[in-house]
Amino acid sequence: MAKSIVVLGDSISAGYGIEVQQGWVALLRHKLAEENVSYEIINASISGDTTAGGLARIDKILATHQPEVVLVELGANDGLRGLSPKLMKDNLAEITRRAQKAGAKVLLLSMRIPPNYGKRYTEMVYGVYPQLSEELGVPYMPFILEDVALVKELMQPDGLHPNAKAQPMIADKVWLHLQPLLK
C-alpha cells in the first residue's frame, strides 16, 4: 500500500467553482511527483463541510486510507454559520487526536472568516488554530488564503472561494508546510 496523505477539508480544498484538476490538492499531487516524493493524495473534502462533519467522517477515512499525514482544512463553515469557536476547537482537537492515535501526522490549515462577523468573533475563530497547535503539538499553516483572499483577480465572484489562478499559490504554500512532515 502506497503511503498516503488525506486532505480533510471544505470547499476550499474540494475545488468549489473550478475544475477539480485545477485545485490546490491536484496541484500538490503534481508537486509530489515532481519532487519524487511517493505519496498518494486522497481528497476527502466536501464543500460546505464543518468540523462536526469532518469529525463524523474521520474514523472511516482513517480506517480506509491509513494515512501517514492528514491535512485538516476545516472551520470556515463553522465560522460562517456563527457556530461556537469552542465547539469548533473541540471538534478539530478530536479529529487531530484520532488521526494521531491512528499513527498519522497532522497539519492544520487555518481559515479566517470575513470581517463582517465582528472583530471579536473572527479573532476567536482564527485563534483556534494556533491554540490547538500549541496544545496538541501539531504544526499549523497560517491562513491558507493569505495573499489571495483580498486580491479580487484571485477570487471567484462570491468573494469567498479562490479561482483557478490562485490555486498554484495555495499549493506552493501548503507544500512548504507539508514538506517537513514527509521526512
N, C-alpha and C. Protein backbone atom coordinates (compact mmCIF):
# COMPACT_ATOMS: atom_id res chain seq x y z
N MET A 1 0.85 -1.20 0.00
CA MET A 1 0.00 0.00 0.00
C MET A 1 0.89 1.25 0.00
N ALA A 2 0.65 2.14 -0.94
CA ALA A 2 1.43 3.38 -1.03
C ALA A 2 1.17 4.24 0.20
N LYS A 3 2.17 5.00 0.59
CA LYS A 3 1.97 5.96 1.68
C LYS A 3 0.99 7.01 1.20
N SER A 4 0.15 7.48 2.15
CA SER A 4 -0.88 8.42 1.70
C SER A 4 -0.99 9.65 2.59
N ILE A 5 -1.52 10.68 1.97
CA ILE A 5 -1.86 11.95 2.62
C ILE A 5 -3.35 12.14 2.38
N VAL A 6 -4.09 12.41 3.44
CA VAL A 6 -5.52 12.69 3.30
C VAL A 6 -5.75 14.18 3.53
N VAL A 7 -6.52 14.79 2.66
CA VAL A 7 -6.95 16.17 2.85
C VAL A 7 -8.40 16.13 3.30
N LEU A 8 -8.63 16.58 4.53
CA LEU A 8 -9.98 16.62 5.10
C LEU A 8 -10.37 18.10 5.15
N GLY A 9 -11.16 18.52 4.18
CA GLY A 9 -11.46 19.94 4.09
C GLY A 9 -12.86 20.24 3.62
N ASP A 10 -13.05 21.51 3.29
CA ASP A 10 -14.34 22.00 2.80
C ASP A 10 -14.17 22.46 1.34
N SER A 11 -14.97 23.41 0.91
CA SER A 11 -14.96 23.85 -0.49
C SER A 11 -13.61 24.37 -0.96
N ILE A 12 -12.83 24.94 -0.06
CA ILE A 12 -11.51 25.48 -0.44
C ILE A 12 -10.61 24.35 -0.95
N SER A 13 -10.73 23.17 -0.34
CA SER A 13 -9.93 22.02 -0.75
C SER A 13 -10.64 21.15 -1.78
N ALA A 14 -11.97 21.21 -1.81
CA ALA A 14 -12.74 20.41 -2.76
C ALA A 14 -12.71 21.00 -4.17
N GLY A 15 -12.23 22.24 -4.29
CA GLY A 15 -12.15 22.88 -5.60
C GLY A 15 -13.47 23.47 -6.06
N TYR A 16 -14.23 24.01 -5.13
CA TYR A 16 -15.52 24.61 -5.45
C TYR A 16 -15.38 25.65 -6.57
N GLY A 17 -16.23 25.55 -7.59
CA GLY A 17 -16.31 26.56 -8.64
C GLY A 17 -15.23 26.48 -9.70
N ILE A 18 -14.35 25.48 -9.60
CA ILE A 18 -13.30 25.30 -10.62
C ILE A 18 -13.23 23.82 -10.97
N GLU A 19 -12.50 23.49 -12.02
CA GLU A 19 -12.30 22.08 -12.36
C GLU A 19 -11.44 21.45 -11.26
N VAL A 20 -11.78 20.25 -10.83
CA VAL A 20 -11.07 19.59 -9.73
C VAL A 20 -9.56 19.52 -10.00
N GLN A 21 -9.17 19.26 -11.24
CA GLN A 21 -7.73 19.14 -11.55
C GLN A 21 -6.99 20.48 -11.48
N GLN A 22 -7.75 21.59 -11.37
CA GLN A 22 -7.13 22.91 -11.21
C GLN A 22 -6.91 23.26 -9.74
N GLY A 23 -7.51 22.51 -8.84
CA GLY A 23 -7.47 22.81 -7.42
C GLY A 23 -6.10 22.57 -6.79
N TRP A 24 -5.87 23.18 -5.63
CA TRP A 24 -4.57 23.08 -4.98
C TRP A 24 -4.21 21.65 -4.60
N VAL A 25 -5.21 20.82 -4.30
CA VAL A 25 -4.91 19.43 -3.92
C VAL A 25 -4.34 18.67 -5.13
N ALA A 26 -4.95 18.85 -6.29
CA ALA A 26 -4.45 18.20 -7.52
C ALA A 26 -3.06 18.74 -7.87
N LEU A 27 -2.86 20.04 -7.70
CA LEU A 27 -1.55 20.63 -7.99
C LEU A 27 -0.49 20.13 -7.02
N LEU A 28 -0.88 19.89 -5.78
CA LEU A 28 0.04 19.33 -4.78
C LEU A 28 0.44 17.91 -5.18
N ARG A 29 -0.50 17.17 -5.72
CA ARG A 29 -0.22 15.81 -6.22
C ARG A 29 0.88 15.86 -7.28
N HIS A 30 0.79 16.84 -8.19
CA HIS A 30 1.83 17.01 -9.23
C HIS A 30 3.16 17.40 -8.61
N LYS A 31 3.11 18.27 -7.60
CA LYS A 31 4.32 18.72 -6.91
C LYS A 31 5.05 17.53 -6.28
N LEU A 32 4.29 16.65 -5.64
CA LEU A 32 4.89 15.46 -5.03
C LEU A 32 5.58 14.61 -6.09
N ALA A 33 4.94 14.44 -7.23
CA ALA A 33 5.53 13.65 -8.32
C ALA A 33 6.80 14.32 -8.84
N GLU A 34 6.75 15.64 -9.04
CA GLU A 34 7.93 16.40 -9.49
C GLU A 34 9.10 16.24 -8.54
N GLU A 35 8.80 16.24 -7.25
CA GLU A 35 9.84 16.16 -6.22
C GLU A 35 10.23 14.71 -5.91
N ASN A 36 9.65 13.77 -6.65
CA ASN A 36 9.92 12.35 -6.44
C ASN A 36 9.55 11.87 -5.05
N VAL A 37 8.50 12.42 -4.50
CA VAL A 37 8.02 12.03 -3.18
C VAL A 37 6.82 11.11 -3.42
N SER A 38 6.98 9.84 -3.06
CA SER A 38 5.95 8.87 -3.42
C SER A 38 4.86 8.74 -2.36
N TYR A 39 3.93 9.66 -2.43
CA TYR A 39 2.75 9.64 -1.59
C TYR A 39 1.54 9.76 -2.50
N GLU A 40 0.50 9.08 -2.13
CA GLU A 40 -0.78 9.23 -2.81
C GLU A 40 -1.57 10.27 -2.02
N ILE A 41 -2.29 11.15 -2.72
CA ILE A 41 -3.13 12.13 -2.03
C ILE A 41 -4.59 11.75 -2.22
N ILE A 42 -5.29 11.64 -1.11
CA ILE A 42 -6.72 11.37 -1.14
C ILE A 42 -7.43 12.64 -0.70
N ASN A 43 -8.28 13.17 -1.57
CA ASN A 43 -9.01 14.38 -1.23
C ASN A 43 -10.38 13.99 -0.68
N ALA A 44 -10.50 14.06 0.64
CA ALA A 44 -11.75 13.72 1.33
C ALA A 44 -12.51 14.99 1.72
N SER A 45 -12.38 16.01 0.89
CA SER A 45 -13.01 17.30 1.17
C SER A 45 -14.42 17.36 0.60
N ILE A 46 -15.30 18.04 1.31
CA ILE A 46 -16.69 18.20 0.89
C ILE A 46 -17.07 19.68 1.05
N SER A 47 -17.53 20.27 -0.04
CA SER A 47 -17.97 21.67 0.02
C SER A 47 -19.04 21.81 1.09
N GLY A 48 -18.92 22.86 1.91
CA GLY A 48 -19.90 23.14 2.95
C GLY A 48 -19.64 22.40 4.25
N ASP A 49 -18.61 21.55 4.28
CA ASP A 49 -18.37 20.74 5.48
C ASP A 49 -17.95 21.60 6.66
N THR A 50 -18.35 21.15 7.84
CA THR A 50 -17.97 21.80 9.11
C THR A 50 -17.04 20.87 9.86
N THR A 51 -16.53 21.34 10.99
CA THR A 51 -15.67 20.49 11.82
C THR A 51 -16.47 19.29 12.34
N ALA A 52 -17.77 19.48 12.61
CA ALA A 52 -18.61 18.36 13.05
C ALA A 52 -18.72 17.31 11.95
N GLY A 53 -18.86 17.75 10.72
CA GLY A 53 -18.91 16.82 9.58
C GLY A 53 -17.60 16.06 9.43
N GLY A 54 -16.49 16.77 9.57
CA GLY A 54 -15.18 16.12 9.50
C GLY A 54 -14.99 15.10 10.60
N LEU A 55 -15.44 15.46 11.80
CA LEU A 55 -15.33 14.55 12.94
C LEU A 55 -16.19 13.30 12.70
N ALA A 56 -17.37 13.48 12.13
CA ALA A 56 -18.26 12.35 11.86
C ALA A 56 -17.65 11.39 10.83
N ARG A 57 -16.79 11.90 9.95
CA ARG A 57 -16.22 11.09 8.87
C ARG A 57 -14.81 10.57 9.13
N ILE A 58 -14.11 11.13 10.13
CA ILE A 58 -12.68 10.86 10.26
C ILE A 58 -12.35 9.39 10.52
N ASP A 59 -13.11 8.70 11.35
CA ASP A 59 -12.77 7.30 11.67
C ASP A 59 -12.78 6.42 10.42
N LYS A 60 -13.81 6.58 9.60
CA LYS A 60 -13.90 5.78 8.37
C LYS A 60 -12.76 6.14 7.41
N ILE A 61 -12.44 7.41 7.31
CA ILE A 61 -11.36 7.86 6.43
C ILE A 61 -10.02 7.26 6.89
N LEU A 62 -9.77 7.31 8.20
CA LEU A 62 -8.53 6.76 8.74
C LEU A 62 -8.45 5.26 8.52
N ALA A 63 -9.54 4.55 8.75
CA ALA A 63 -9.56 3.09 8.58
C ALA A 63 -9.37 2.71 7.11
N THR A 64 -9.99 3.47 6.22
CA THR A 64 -9.93 3.16 4.79
C THR A 64 -8.56 3.47 4.19
N HIS A 65 -7.98 4.61 4.53
CA HIS A 65 -6.77 5.08 3.84
C HIS A 65 -5.48 4.94 4.64
N GLN A 66 -5.58 4.74 5.95
CA GLN A 66 -4.40 4.62 6.82
C GLN A 66 -3.31 5.64 6.45
N PRO A 67 -3.65 6.93 6.49
CA PRO A 67 -2.70 7.96 6.03
C PRO A 67 -1.51 8.16 6.97
N GLU A 68 -0.41 8.56 6.38
CA GLU A 68 0.76 8.99 7.15
C GLU A 68 0.57 10.42 7.62
N VAL A 69 -0.15 11.21 6.80
CA VAL A 69 -0.36 12.62 7.08
C VAL A 69 -1.83 12.97 6.80
N VAL A 70 -2.40 13.79 7.68
CA VAL A 70 -3.75 14.31 7.46
C VAL A 70 -3.67 15.84 7.48
N LEU A 71 -4.11 16.45 6.39
CA LEU A 71 -4.19 17.91 6.31
C LEU A 71 -5.64 18.27 6.63
N VAL A 72 -5.84 19.04 7.69
CA VAL A 72 -7.19 19.39 8.13
C VAL A 72 -7.47 20.85 7.78
N GLU A 73 -8.36 21.05 6.81
CA GLU A 73 -8.73 22.40 6.37
C GLU A 73 -10.22 22.56 6.62
N LEU A 74 -10.58 22.72 7.87
CA LEU A 74 -11.98 22.88 8.27
C LEU A 74 -12.09 24.02 9.27
N GLY A 75 -13.28 24.57 9.40
CA GLY A 75 -13.53 25.63 10.37
C GLY A 75 -14.20 26.85 9.77
N ALA A 76 -13.95 27.11 8.49
CA ALA A 76 -14.55 28.31 7.88
C ALA A 76 -16.08 28.25 7.92
N ASN A 77 -16.64 27.09 7.60
CA ASN A 77 -18.10 26.98 7.59
C ASN A 77 -18.69 27.05 8.99
N ASP A 78 -17.94 26.59 9.99
CA ASP A 78 -18.39 26.77 11.38
C ASP A 78 -18.53 28.27 11.65
N GLY A 79 -17.48 29.03 11.28
CA GLY A 79 -17.48 30.47 11.50
C GLY A 79 -18.56 31.18 10.71
N LEU A 80 -18.72 30.80 9.43
CA LEU A 80 -19.72 31.44 8.58
C LEU A 80 -21.14 31.18 9.08
N ARG A 81 -21.32 30.09 9.81
CA ARG A 81 -22.64 29.76 10.37
C ARG A 81 -22.80 30.28 11.79
N GLY A 82 -21.78 30.98 12.29
CA GLY A 82 -21.86 31.56 13.62
C GLY A 82 -21.82 30.52 14.73
N LEU A 83 -21.23 29.36 14.45
CA LEU A 83 -21.16 28.31 15.46
C LEU A 83 -20.11 28.65 16.52
N SER A 84 -20.17 27.97 17.63
CA SER A 84 -19.28 28.22 18.76
C SER A 84 -17.82 27.90 18.43
N PRO A 85 -16.91 28.89 18.61
CA PRO A 85 -15.49 28.61 18.41
C PRO A 85 -14.98 27.51 19.35
N LYS A 86 -15.59 27.40 20.54
CA LYS A 86 -15.18 26.34 21.47
C LYS A 86 -15.54 24.97 20.89
N LEU A 87 -16.74 24.84 20.34
CA LEU A 87 -17.15 23.58 19.72
C LEU A 87 -16.26 23.27 18.51
N MET A 88 -15.96 24.29 17.72
CA MET A 88 -15.06 24.13 16.58
C MET A 88 -13.71 23.60 17.05
N LYS A 89 -13.19 24.20 18.11
CA LYS A 89 -11.90 23.78 18.66
C LYS A 89 -11.95 22.34 19.17
N ASP A 90 -13.02 22.02 19.89
CA ASP A 90 -13.18 20.65 20.41
C ASP A 90 -13.22 19.64 19.26
N ASN A 91 -13.96 19.95 18.21
CA ASN A 91 -14.06 19.04 17.06
C ASN A 91 -12.70 18.88 16.37
N LEU A 92 -12.00 19.98 16.14
CA LEU A 92 -10.69 19.90 15.50
C LEU A 92 -9.69 19.14 16.38
N ALA A 93 -9.77 19.34 17.69
CA ALA A 93 -8.89 18.62 18.61
C ALA A 93 -9.15 17.12 18.54
N GLU A 94 -10.42 16.75 18.48
CA GLU A 94 -10.77 15.32 18.43
C GLU A 94 -10.36 14.70 17.10
N ILE A 95 -10.53 15.43 15.99
CA ILE A 95 -10.08 14.95 14.68
C ILE A 95 -8.57 14.71 14.74
N THR A 96 -7.85 15.67 15.31
CA THR A 96 -6.40 15.59 15.41
C THR A 96 -5.97 14.40 16.27
N ARG A 97 -6.60 14.25 17.44
CA ARG A 97 -6.26 13.14 18.34
C ARG A 97 -6.49 11.78 17.69
N ARG A 98 -7.63 11.66 17.00
CA ARG A 98 -7.93 10.38 16.34
C ARG A 98 -6.93 10.08 15.23
N ALA A 99 -6.56 11.11 14.47
CA ALA A 99 -5.57 10.91 13.41
C ALA A 99 -4.22 10.51 14.02
N GLN A 100 -3.83 11.19 15.10
CA GLN A 100 -2.56 10.86 15.75
C GLN A 100 -2.60 9.44 16.32
N LYS A 101 -3.72 9.07 16.93
CA LYS A 101 -3.86 7.73 17.50
C LYS A 101 -3.72 6.67 16.41
N ALA A 102 -4.15 7.01 15.19
CA ALA A 102 -4.05 6.11 14.05
C ALA A 102 -2.65 6.13 13.43
N GLY A 103 -1.76 6.94 14.02
CA GLY A 103 -0.37 6.98 13.54
C GLY A 103 -0.07 8.04 12.50
N ALA A 104 -1.01 8.95 12.28
CA ALA A 104 -0.80 9.99 11.26
C ALA A 104 -0.28 11.28 11.89
N LYS A 105 0.52 11.99 11.12
CA LYS A 105 0.92 13.35 11.49
C LYS A 105 -0.19 14.28 10.97
N VAL A 106 -0.41 15.37 11.69
CA VAL A 106 -1.49 16.29 11.32
C VAL A 106 -0.93 17.68 11.04
N LEU A 107 -1.44 18.30 10.00
CA LEU A 107 -1.15 19.70 9.70
C LEU A 107 -2.48 20.42 9.62
N LEU A 108 -2.65 21.43 10.47
CA LEU A 108 -3.87 22.24 10.46
C LEU A 108 -3.70 23.39 9.45
N LEU A 109 -4.63 23.50 8.54
CA LEU A 109 -4.61 24.58 7.55
C LEU A 109 -5.66 25.59 8.01
N SER A 110 -5.20 26.70 8.56
CA SER A 110 -6.14 27.60 9.22
C SER A 110 -6.90 28.49 8.27
N MET A 111 -8.10 28.82 8.72
CA MET A 111 -9.03 29.62 7.94
C MET A 111 -9.40 30.88 8.71
N ARG A 112 -9.73 31.91 7.96
CA ARG A 112 -10.30 33.13 8.53
C ARG A 112 -11.67 33.30 7.91
N ILE A 113 -12.53 34.04 8.61
CA ILE A 113 -13.84 34.36 8.04
C ILE A 113 -13.88 35.86 7.79
N PRO A 114 -14.80 36.32 6.94
CA PRO A 114 -14.86 37.75 6.61
C PRO A 114 -15.06 38.62 7.86
N PRO A 115 -14.53 39.85 7.83
CA PRO A 115 -14.58 40.73 8.99
C PRO A 115 -15.98 41.19 9.39
N ASN A 116 -16.98 41.02 8.50
CA ASN A 116 -18.33 41.48 8.85
C ASN A 116 -18.97 40.66 9.97
N TYR A 117 -18.28 39.62 10.46
CA TYR A 117 -18.78 38.85 11.60
C TYR A 117 -18.36 39.48 12.93
N GLY A 118 -17.61 40.57 12.83
CA GLY A 118 -17.17 41.26 14.04
C GLY A 118 -15.77 40.81 14.45
N LYS A 119 -14.99 41.78 14.90
CA LYS A 119 -13.58 41.54 15.24
C LYS A 119 -13.41 40.44 16.29
N ARG A 120 -14.18 40.50 17.35
CA ARG A 120 -14.02 39.53 18.44
C ARG A 120 -14.28 38.10 17.96
N TYR A 121 -15.40 37.91 17.27
CA TYR A 121 -15.75 36.56 16.80
C TYR A 121 -14.74 36.04 15.77
N THR A 122 -14.38 36.89 14.79
CA THR A 122 -13.44 36.43 13.76
C THR A 122 -12.09 36.07 14.38
N GLU A 123 -11.66 36.83 15.38
CA GLU A 123 -10.39 36.51 16.04
C GLU A 123 -10.50 35.24 16.88
N MET A 124 -11.66 35.01 17.49
CA MET A 124 -11.86 33.77 18.25
C MET A 124 -11.78 32.56 17.32
N VAL A 125 -12.41 32.65 16.15
CA VAL A 125 -12.39 31.55 15.19
C VAL A 125 -10.95 31.30 14.73
N TYR A 126 -10.26 32.36 14.29
CA TYR A 126 -8.90 32.18 13.80
C TYR A 126 -7.95 31.72 14.91
N GLY A 127 -8.19 32.18 16.13
CA GLY A 127 -7.32 31.84 17.26
C GLY A 127 -7.32 30.37 17.62
N VAL A 128 -8.33 29.63 17.18
CA VAL A 128 -8.41 28.20 17.47
C VAL A 128 -7.17 27.46 16.95
N TYR A 129 -6.69 27.83 15.77
CA TYR A 129 -5.60 27.08 15.13
C TYR A 129 -4.27 27.18 15.88
N PRO A 130 -3.78 28.39 16.21
CA PRO A 130 -2.54 28.44 16.98
C PRO A 130 -2.68 27.83 18.38
N GLN A 131 -3.88 27.96 18.98
CA GLN A 131 -4.10 27.34 20.29
C GLN A 131 -3.95 25.82 20.20
N LEU A 132 -4.61 25.23 19.21
CA LEU A 132 -4.53 23.77 19.05
C LEU A 132 -3.12 23.33 18.70
N SER A 133 -2.46 24.11 17.88
CA SER A 133 -1.08 23.80 17.51
C SER A 133 -0.21 23.66 18.75
N GLU A 134 -0.36 24.62 19.64
CA GLU A 134 0.42 24.62 20.87
C GLU A 134 -0.02 23.50 21.81
N GLU A 135 -1.32 23.36 22.02
CA GLU A 135 -1.84 22.37 22.97
C GLU A 135 -1.58 20.93 22.54
N LEU A 136 -1.67 20.66 21.24
CA LEU A 136 -1.54 19.29 20.75
C LEU A 136 -0.20 19.00 20.09
N GLY A 137 0.64 20.02 19.99
CA GLY A 137 1.96 19.82 19.40
C GLY A 137 1.92 19.47 17.92
N VAL A 138 0.99 20.09 17.20
CA VAL A 138 0.91 19.87 15.75
C VAL A 138 1.17 21.19 15.03
N PRO A 139 1.78 21.12 13.87
CA PRO A 139 2.01 22.37 13.13
C PRO A 139 0.71 22.89 12.52
N TYR A 140 0.68 24.19 12.32
CA TYR A 140 -0.45 24.78 11.60
C TYR A 140 0.09 25.76 10.59
N MET A 141 -0.65 25.86 9.50
CA MET A 141 -0.31 26.82 8.46
C MET A 141 -1.19 28.04 8.67
N PRO A 142 -0.57 29.21 8.83
CA PRO A 142 -1.41 30.42 8.94
C PRO A 142 -2.36 30.50 7.74
N PHE A 143 -3.35 31.32 7.85
CA PHE A 143 -4.44 31.47 6.88
C PHE A 143 -4.09 30.96 5.48
N ILE A 144 -4.77 29.90 5.08
CA ILE A 144 -4.49 29.24 3.79
C ILE A 144 -4.71 30.19 2.60
N LEU A 145 -5.56 31.20 2.76
CA LEU A 145 -5.81 32.14 1.65
C LEU A 145 -5.08 33.48 1.82
N GLU A 146 -4.06 33.49 2.68
CA GLU A 146 -3.23 34.69 2.84
C GLU A 146 -2.71 35.10 1.46
N ASP A 147 -2.67 36.38 1.16
CA ASP A 147 -2.21 36.90 -0.13
C ASP A 147 -3.13 36.52 -1.30
N VAL A 148 -4.27 35.93 -1.01
CA VAL A 148 -5.23 35.53 -2.05
C VAL A 148 -6.59 36.17 -1.78
N ALA A 149 -7.08 36.04 -0.56
CA ALA A 149 -8.46 36.41 -0.21
C ALA A 149 -8.81 37.86 -0.53
N LEU A 150 -7.85 38.76 -0.42
CA LEU A 150 -8.15 40.17 -0.65
C LEU A 150 -7.75 40.67 -2.04
N VAL A 151 -7.34 39.73 -2.92
CA VAL A 151 -6.96 40.10 -4.28
C VAL A 151 -8.09 39.67 -5.22
N LYS A 152 -8.85 40.64 -5.69
CA LYS A 152 -10.04 40.38 -6.49
C LYS A 152 -9.77 39.45 -7.68
N GLU A 153 -8.62 39.60 -8.33
CA GLU A 153 -8.28 38.81 -9.51
C GLU A 153 -8.05 37.33 -9.17
N LEU A 154 -7.87 37.02 -7.88
CA LEU A 154 -7.60 35.65 -7.47
C LEU A 154 -8.82 34.96 -6.84
N MET A 155 -9.92 35.71 -6.77
CA MET A 155 -11.12 35.18 -6.11
C MET A 155 -12.27 35.04 -7.10
N GLN A 156 -13.14 34.09 -6.82
CA GLN A 156 -14.36 33.94 -7.60
C GLN A 156 -15.30 35.10 -7.26
N PRO A 157 -16.31 35.33 -8.08
CA PRO A 157 -17.22 36.46 -7.84
C PRO A 157 -17.87 36.46 -6.45
N ASP A 158 -17.99 35.30 -5.81
CA ASP A 158 -18.61 35.26 -4.47
C ASP A 158 -17.72 35.87 -3.38
N GLY A 159 -16.45 36.11 -3.71
CA GLY A 159 -15.53 36.72 -2.75
C GLY A 159 -15.08 35.78 -1.64
N LEU A 160 -15.53 34.53 -1.65
CA LEU A 160 -15.17 33.57 -0.61
C LEU A 160 -14.24 32.46 -1.11
N HIS A 161 -14.35 32.13 -2.39
CA HIS A 161 -13.60 31.00 -2.93
C HIS A 161 -12.53 31.45 -3.92
N PRO A 162 -11.33 30.91 -3.79
CA PRO A 162 -10.26 31.27 -4.74
C PRO A 162 -10.55 30.69 -6.12
N ASN A 163 -10.12 31.42 -7.15
CA ASN A 163 -10.31 30.93 -8.51
C ASN A 163 -9.11 30.06 -8.93
N ALA A 164 -9.13 29.61 -10.17
CA ALA A 164 -8.07 28.71 -10.67
C ALA A 164 -6.69 29.38 -10.64
N LYS A 165 -6.67 30.71 -10.87
CA LYS A 165 -5.39 31.43 -10.86
C LYS A 165 -4.70 31.39 -9.49
N ALA A 166 -5.49 31.32 -8.43
CA ALA A 166 -4.96 31.34 -7.06
C ALA A 166 -4.43 29.99 -6.61
N GLN A 167 -4.87 28.92 -7.25
CA GLN A 167 -4.57 27.57 -6.76
C GLN A 167 -3.07 27.23 -6.70
N PRO A 168 -2.26 27.61 -7.70
CA PRO A 168 -0.83 27.30 -7.59
C PRO A 168 -0.17 27.98 -6.37
N MET A 169 -0.61 29.19 -6.05
CA MET A 169 -0.07 29.89 -4.88
C MET A 169 -0.40 29.13 -3.60
N ILE A 170 -1.65 28.66 -3.51
CA ILE A 170 -2.09 27.91 -2.33
C ILE A 170 -1.30 26.60 -2.24
N ALA A 171 -1.18 25.89 -3.36
CA ALA A 171 -0.45 24.62 -3.37
C ALA A 171 1.00 24.81 -2.93
N ASP A 172 1.65 25.86 -3.42
CA ASP A 172 3.05 26.13 -3.04
C ASP A 172 3.17 26.40 -1.54
N LYS A 173 2.21 27.14 -1.00
CA LYS A 173 2.23 27.45 0.43
C LYS A 173 2.02 26.21 1.29
N VAL A 174 1.06 25.39 0.88
CA VAL A 174 0.80 24.14 1.62
C VAL A 174 2.04 23.25 1.54
N TRP A 175 2.66 23.18 0.37
CA TRP A 175 3.85 22.35 0.17
C TRP A 175 4.96 22.72 1.17
N LEU A 176 5.16 24.01 1.38
CA LEU A 176 6.20 24.46 2.33
C LEU A 176 5.96 23.92 3.74
N HIS A 177 4.69 23.85 4.13
CA HIS A 177 4.34 23.37 5.47
C HIS A 177 4.25 21.86 5.55
N LEU A 178 3.97 21.22 4.40
CA LEU A 178 3.85 19.78 4.35
C LEU A 178 5.21 19.07 4.31
N GLN A 179 6.15 19.64 3.57
CA GLN A 179 7.47 19.02 3.39
C GLN A 179 8.10 18.48 4.67
N PRO A 180 8.16 19.27 5.76
CA PRO A 180 8.81 18.75 6.97
C PRO A 180 8.14 17.49 7.53
N LEU A 181 6.85 17.31 7.27
CA LEU A 181 6.13 16.15 7.78
C LEU A 181 6.41 14.87 6.99
N LEU A 182 7.00 15.03 5.81
CA LEU A 182 7.25 13.88 4.93
C LEU A 182 8.65 13.30 5.13
N LYS A 183 9.43 13.90 6.03
CA LYS A 183 10.80 13.42 6.25
C LYS A 183 10.83 12.26 7.21
